[in-house]
Every structure is written in C-alpha cells, then in structure tokens.
C-alpha cells in the first residue's frame, strides 16, 4: 500500500513540475528563447541597471531602465525585423531580491509607448500608454564571475497595457531576457552594483504553455507507474 501511494505522489509531483515550468532559482537561466522567430517581441536597448543592497534586511532593490522616449522595436510576425516601432517608449523593471538572488514578491515591468509606427508604410497608430505591464514571477541570472556582467532572465504575468492582447491578455505569461550586461555586477546579490547601458538589450516575449511533449512525458510516467502497480498486484 505504501508503494502505491508513494508512486502516485512521485508521478504527480513530476507531472506538476513539468506543467509549472518556472522557477525563482537564481543560478542559470529560465530557458527563455528569443530571436527573430519568437513573437511577439518588444526590443529595448541601452538598459541601465542599479542594484542597491541593504545588509540590514539582506535584500536589494534592482532597477533596470531604458531611456525615456525611445523607439522600441515590436515584432508580431516570425522572421521580421523591426516590423513596428513603439514610439515614445521606455522599458522599466523593478524587483526586490534577497542576498542569494532569489526574487521576492512585488516586482513589476512597465513598457511605455504612445504610438506604433509601421516600418513599411510609416503609418503611425496612436496607442494608450503603457503598452504592456506585468508582475514578475521568476528570476535567474547567468553571471560571468570575476569577468563581470552576464545575463538576467525574468518571467512575468501580464496585468495590462495596450499590447496585452498579443501576450495572451491579462493573466497571460511573458518572459524578459536582458543580455550583454557589464559594469560592476560580479555574480553577487549580497553587494550593490551597477550595469552599463552601452551594449545591453532587453527582449520581452510571450511564453507558450507547456509543450505537448512535456505533458506527454508526464502522462507516460504516470500510466507506467499505474501499470507497474497492477503487475505487482497480479503477481501477488
């Protein structure tokens, strides 16, 4: 009887892990994929970061911000490059992390914008700012150690914005990858640091639901354990 319940609990836990898919663990990445074939994608450049650490609370405030009034690329068709530009845009992300780099509740991302410019026709379509907002749900970093810099990845739940429907609407899910970080970040969240804006870029994409392959793997595991239990019962 104990083997039966242990097997079902293990299968359920593994299936739940496959379905959940996200993690707040810092080390490594969240497996986010960006690129010309991943849409929708809002691209922002010249991202400046500051992290202010408090030894009293053992937490730090992270702020990643792009220049105000910037033109942000916005692609909705796979393979396109700067299909639209978000005019009057600005990327802004704020998060609180503990000394080990784990994300604490309350983090947000806001992408401002006043109009979409079609890069083929030059037609301007006004939009209501903000273009996209979300609550952060997961964070991971891939630092370069003593060499400094690295990459930050976030996941978020969509809370609003003119472009929210492209991201699954309110309650939809997205991911942010901030690359080419440099400055005084040396893979530690127990000290304050700054990141430069010279080469950094942020891609904000929609994240898909769990893949059928992953769900199939969980189903096979569960049915396999049930079959094993039945064979044991017959043998007894």
Foldseek 3Di string as FASTA:
>chain_A
DVLLVVLLVVLVVLLVCLQVQADQQAADASPDDDDQQFDFKKKAALWKWWWAADPVVQKIKIKIKGDFQDWIATDHHRPDDSQKTFGRKMWIWIFMAGFNGGTDFDIKIWIFGFWIAGPVPRDIGGFDPPAWMWTWDHKYWHAPAPVFDGKIKTKTATCDHRNQVRQVHGRRIKMKIKGDWGWPHRPTNSHITITGRPGIMMMIGHDDGRDPVSNVVSVVSNVVSVVVVVVVVVVD
